[in-house]
Structures are given as C-alpha cells and as structure tokens.
N, C-alpha and C. Protein backbone atom coordinates (compact mmCIF):
# COMPACT_ATOMS: atom_id res chain seq x y z
N UNK A 1 111.66 -88.66 70.74
CA UNK A 1 112.96 -89.02 70.17
C UNK A 1 113.29 -88.02 69.09
N UNK A 2 114.55 -87.80 68.85
CA UNK A 2 114.97 -86.85 67.83
C UNK A 2 115.08 -87.59 66.49
N UNK A 3 114.21 -87.21 65.55
CA UNK A 3 114.17 -87.87 64.25
C UNK A 3 115.47 -87.72 63.49
N UNK A 4 116.10 -86.56 63.60
CA UNK A 4 117.31 -86.35 62.81
C UNK A 4 118.51 -87.13 63.34
N UNK A 5 118.31 -87.90 64.41
CA UNK A 5 119.34 -88.83 64.87
C UNK A 5 119.31 -90.12 64.05
N UNK A 6 118.30 -90.28 63.20
CA UNK A 6 118.10 -91.52 62.45
C UNK A 6 118.15 -91.24 60.95
N UNK A 7 118.58 -92.22 60.16
CA UNK A 7 118.56 -92.04 58.71
C UNK A 7 117.13 -91.85 58.22
N UNK A 8 116.96 -91.05 57.18
CA UNK A 8 115.62 -90.77 56.65
C UNK A 8 114.91 -92.06 56.22
N UNK A 9 115.68 -93.06 55.80
CA UNK A 9 115.07 -94.35 55.41
C UNK A 9 114.37 -94.99 56.60
N UNK A 10 114.94 -94.84 57.79
CA UNK A 10 114.33 -95.41 58.99
C UNK A 10 113.03 -94.69 59.34
N UNK A 11 113.01 -93.38 59.17
CA UNK A 11 111.80 -92.61 59.43
C UNK A 11 110.70 -93.06 58.48
N UNK A 12 111.04 -93.20 57.21
CA UNK A 12 110.06 -93.65 56.21
C UNK A 12 109.55 -95.04 56.55
N UNK A 13 110.45 -95.94 56.94
CA UNK A 13 110.05 -97.31 57.29
C UNK A 13 109.12 -97.32 58.50
N UNK A 14 109.39 -96.47 59.47
CA UNK A 14 108.53 -96.38 60.65
C UNK A 14 107.12 -95.94 60.25
N UNK A 15 107.03 -94.95 59.38
CA UNK A 15 105.71 -94.49 58.94
C UNK A 15 104.99 -95.55 58.11
N UNK A 16 105.72 -96.26 57.26
CA UNK A 16 105.11 -97.35 56.48
C UNK A 16 104.57 -98.43 57.41
N UNK A 17 105.36 -98.81 58.41
CA UNK A 17 104.92 -99.83 59.36
C UNK A 17 103.65 -99.38 60.07
N UNK A 18 103.59 -98.13 60.48
CA UNK A 18 102.40 -97.60 61.15
C UNK A 18 101.18 -97.72 60.24
N UNK A 19 101.36 -97.38 58.97
CA UNK A 19 100.24 -97.41 58.03
C UNK A 19 99.80 -98.83 57.72
N UNK A 20 100.74 -99.71 57.44
CA UNK A 20 100.42 -101.05 56.96
C UNK A 20 99.94 -101.96 58.09
N UNK A 21 100.63 -101.94 59.22
CA UNK A 21 100.33 -102.88 60.29
C UNK A 21 99.15 -102.42 61.14
N UNK A 22 99.14 -101.17 61.52
CA UNK A 22 98.13 -100.69 62.46
C UNK A 22 97.03 -99.86 61.82
N UNK A 23 97.20 -99.46 60.57
CA UNK A 23 96.23 -98.55 59.97
C UNK A 23 96.41 -97.17 60.57
N UNK A 24 95.60 -96.27 60.15
CA UNK A 24 95.68 -94.91 60.66
C UNK A 24 94.39 -94.54 61.37
N UNK A 25 94.50 -94.19 62.60
CA UNK A 25 93.37 -93.71 63.38
C UNK A 25 93.80 -92.37 63.94
N UNK A 26 93.39 -91.32 63.32
CA UNK A 26 93.89 -90.00 63.68
C UNK A 26 95.13 -89.70 62.85
N UNK A 27 96.00 -88.89 63.38
CA UNK A 27 97.19 -88.49 62.62
C UNK A 27 98.44 -88.76 63.42
N UNK A 28 99.49 -89.11 62.71
CA UNK A 28 100.79 -89.37 63.31
C UNK A 28 101.79 -88.45 62.63
N UNK A 29 102.31 -87.47 63.35
CA UNK A 29 103.29 -86.55 62.81
C UNK A 29 104.64 -86.83 63.46
N UNK A 30 105.67 -86.83 62.66
CA UNK A 30 107.04 -86.90 63.18
C UNK A 30 107.67 -85.56 62.83
N UNK A 31 108.04 -84.81 63.85
CA UNK A 31 108.54 -83.45 63.67
C UNK A 31 110.04 -83.42 63.92
N UNK A 32 110.75 -82.79 62.99
CA UNK A 32 112.18 -82.58 63.16
C UNK A 32 112.43 -81.08 63.29
N UNK A 33 112.66 -80.59 64.52
CA UNK A 33 112.95 -79.17 64.70
C UNK A 33 114.24 -78.73 63.99
N UNK A 34 115.23 -79.62 63.93
CA UNK A 34 116.50 -79.25 63.28
C UNK A 34 116.33 -79.04 61.78
N UNK A 35 115.45 -79.84 61.17
CA UNK A 35 115.20 -79.70 59.73
C UNK A 35 114.03 -78.77 59.45
N UNK A 36 113.28 -78.40 60.51
CA UNK A 36 112.07 -77.58 60.36
C UNK A 36 111.06 -78.25 59.45
N UNK A 37 110.89 -79.57 59.62
CA UNK A 37 109.96 -80.35 58.81
C UNK A 37 109.08 -81.23 59.69
N UNK A 38 107.88 -81.51 59.19
CA UNK A 38 107.00 -82.50 59.81
C UNK A 38 106.66 -83.53 58.73
N UNK A 39 106.85 -84.80 59.05
CA UNK A 39 106.54 -85.91 58.15
C UNK A 39 105.28 -86.60 58.66
N UNK A 40 104.41 -87.02 57.75
CA UNK A 40 103.19 -87.70 58.21
C UNK A 40 102.65 -88.62 57.12
N UNK A 41 102.04 -89.75 57.52
CA UNK A 41 101.35 -90.59 56.55
C UNK A 41 99.94 -90.03 56.34
N UNK A 42 99.45 -90.12 55.11
CA UNK A 42 98.09 -89.69 54.80
C UNK A 42 97.11 -90.74 55.29
N UNK A 43 95.84 -90.38 55.38
CA UNK A 43 94.81 -91.30 55.85
C UNK A 43 94.64 -92.50 54.93
N UNK A 44 94.78 -92.32 53.62
CA UNK A 44 94.60 -93.44 52.70
C UNK A 44 95.92 -94.16 52.50
N UNK A 45 96.81 -93.60 51.72
CA UNK A 45 98.14 -94.16 51.54
C UNK A 45 99.02 -93.08 50.95
N UNK A 46 100.18 -92.95 51.45
CA UNK A 46 101.10 -91.94 50.96
C UNK A 46 101.62 -91.12 52.12
N UNK A 47 102.45 -90.15 51.81
CA UNK A 47 103.10 -89.35 52.83
C UNK A 47 102.99 -87.88 52.51
N UNK A 48 103.12 -87.08 53.51
CA UNK A 48 103.23 -85.64 53.35
C UNK A 48 104.40 -85.13 54.14
N UNK A 49 104.93 -84.01 53.70
CA UNK A 49 105.99 -83.33 54.43
C UNK A 49 105.61 -81.86 54.46
N UNK A 50 105.63 -81.27 55.65
CA UNK A 50 105.28 -79.87 55.81
C UNK A 50 106.50 -79.12 56.30
N UNK A 51 106.81 -78.01 55.63
CA UNK A 51 107.88 -77.13 56.09
C UNK A 51 107.39 -76.29 57.26
N UNK A 52 108.16 -76.21 58.32
CA UNK A 52 107.76 -75.48 59.52
C UNK A 52 108.55 -74.19 59.65
N UNK A 53 108.38 -73.33 58.72
CA UNK A 53 109.09 -72.05 58.78
C UNK A 53 109.80 -71.78 57.47
N UNK A 54 110.42 -70.62 57.41
CA UNK A 54 111.07 -70.17 56.19
C UNK A 54 112.37 -70.89 55.90
N UNK A 55 112.97 -71.53 56.90
CA UNK A 55 114.27 -72.17 56.69
C UNK A 55 114.18 -73.69 56.76
N UNK A 56 113.03 -74.26 56.33
CA UNK A 56 112.87 -75.72 56.30
C UNK A 56 113.88 -76.32 55.34
N UNK A 57 114.38 -77.50 55.68
CA UNK A 57 115.38 -78.18 54.84
C UNK A 57 114.65 -78.88 53.68
N UNK A 58 114.48 -78.16 52.59
CA UNK A 58 113.73 -78.67 51.44
C UNK A 58 114.40 -79.88 50.83
N UNK A 59 115.72 -79.97 50.87
CA UNK A 59 116.41 -81.11 50.28
C UNK A 59 116.05 -82.40 51.01
N UNK A 60 115.97 -82.36 52.33
CA UNK A 60 115.58 -83.55 53.09
C UNK A 60 114.16 -83.95 52.72
N UNK A 61 113.25 -82.98 52.58
CA UNK A 61 111.87 -83.27 52.18
C UNK A 61 111.83 -83.91 50.80
N UNK A 62 112.57 -83.37 49.85
CA UNK A 62 112.62 -83.93 48.49
C UNK A 62 113.20 -85.35 48.51
N UNK A 63 114.27 -85.56 49.29
CA UNK A 63 114.88 -86.89 49.38
C UNK A 63 113.91 -87.90 49.97
N UNK A 64 113.19 -87.49 51.02
CA UNK A 64 112.21 -88.36 51.66
C UNK A 64 111.13 -88.78 50.66
N UNK A 65 110.58 -87.80 49.94
CA UNK A 65 109.51 -88.10 48.98
C UNK A 65 110.03 -88.91 47.80
N UNK A 66 111.26 -88.69 47.39
CA UNK A 66 111.84 -89.49 46.30
C UNK A 66 111.98 -90.94 46.71
N UNK A 67 112.36 -91.19 47.97
CA UNK A 67 112.45 -92.57 48.45
C UNK A 67 111.07 -93.18 48.60
N UNK A 68 110.11 -92.42 49.10
CA UNK A 68 108.75 -92.92 49.23
C UNK A 68 108.16 -93.22 47.86
N UNK A 69 108.57 -92.47 46.86
CA UNK A 69 108.10 -92.65 45.48
C UNK A 69 108.46 -94.04 44.93
N UNK A 70 109.45 -94.68 45.52
CA UNK A 70 109.88 -96.01 45.06
C UNK A 70 108.97 -97.12 45.57
N UNK A 71 108.10 -96.82 46.53
CA UNK A 71 107.17 -97.82 47.04
C UNK A 71 106.10 -98.12 45.99
N UNK A 72 105.61 -99.35 45.93
CA UNK A 72 104.57 -99.69 44.95
C UNK A 72 103.33 -98.80 45.11
N UNK A 73 102.87 -98.27 44.00
CA UNK A 73 101.65 -97.46 43.99
C UNK A 73 101.84 -96.03 44.45
N UNK A 74 103.07 -95.61 44.70
CA UNK A 74 103.32 -94.26 45.19
C UNK A 74 103.72 -93.33 44.06
N UNK A 75 103.33 -92.08 44.18
CA UNK A 75 103.74 -91.04 43.26
C UNK A 75 103.84 -89.74 44.04
N UNK A 76 104.95 -89.06 43.94
CA UNK A 76 105.16 -87.83 44.71
C UNK A 76 104.76 -86.61 43.91
N UNK A 77 104.13 -85.68 44.60
CA UNK A 77 103.82 -84.36 44.04
C UNK A 77 104.42 -83.36 45.01
N UNK A 78 105.30 -82.53 44.51
CA UNK A 78 105.96 -81.56 45.37
C UNK A 78 105.45 -80.17 45.01
N UNK A 79 104.88 -79.49 46.00
CA UNK A 79 104.35 -78.16 45.82
C UNK A 79 105.11 -77.21 46.73
N UNK A 80 105.62 -76.15 46.18
CA UNK A 80 106.29 -75.15 47.00
C UNK A 80 105.50 -73.84 46.89
N UNK A 81 105.49 -73.05 47.94
CA UNK A 81 104.74 -71.81 47.89
C UNK A 81 105.32 -70.84 46.87
N UNK A 82 104.45 -70.06 46.26
CA UNK A 82 104.93 -69.07 45.30
C UNK A 82 105.69 -67.98 46.04
N UNK A 83 106.58 -67.32 45.34
CA UNK A 83 107.40 -66.27 45.96
C UNK A 83 106.98 -64.89 45.48
N UNK A 84 105.67 -64.68 45.34
CA UNK A 84 105.15 -63.37 44.88
C UNK A 84 105.34 -62.32 45.92
C-alpha cells in the first residue's frame, strides 16, 4: 500500500498498534518512495525514521517524530548528517 495516501497520524497509529498489540518480532518498515523515508518501530519502544536519499522529505520526518513525542514515555532525538 502507498503510505503517502494516508495521513501521517494513521501511519503512526498503525506502528503503535503493531508494537503494543503484537509486540515486535523482527522489523517492520513502512517505506514511502514519494517522501524518500522509511518509518519503523524500535525493538523496545519508540520510532525511527530513515531518509532514503539526498532528497528525503525532512519535514514529514520531523512532523512524524513530533507527533510520536506526544505519546507517554516518548522523547524524540533528531540527528541529521553533517554537511562537511
């Protein structure tokens, strides 16, 4: 399914449901080619977003993590590569 056909809140809710209801066995990545991003729940609790190329939509990644930051016990850390 195309992730960018859905609001980012729905993507986050889907990942939360996967983590809370079923636990994590292996890894679950949701890839958006249009945004050049991959979203994934961590093994313990929390989320990651990986940029897939030089033109990844950083604003969508920041918005996703800001919304995830509102969940109880969550704290976002955003790291961007240096431009040396």
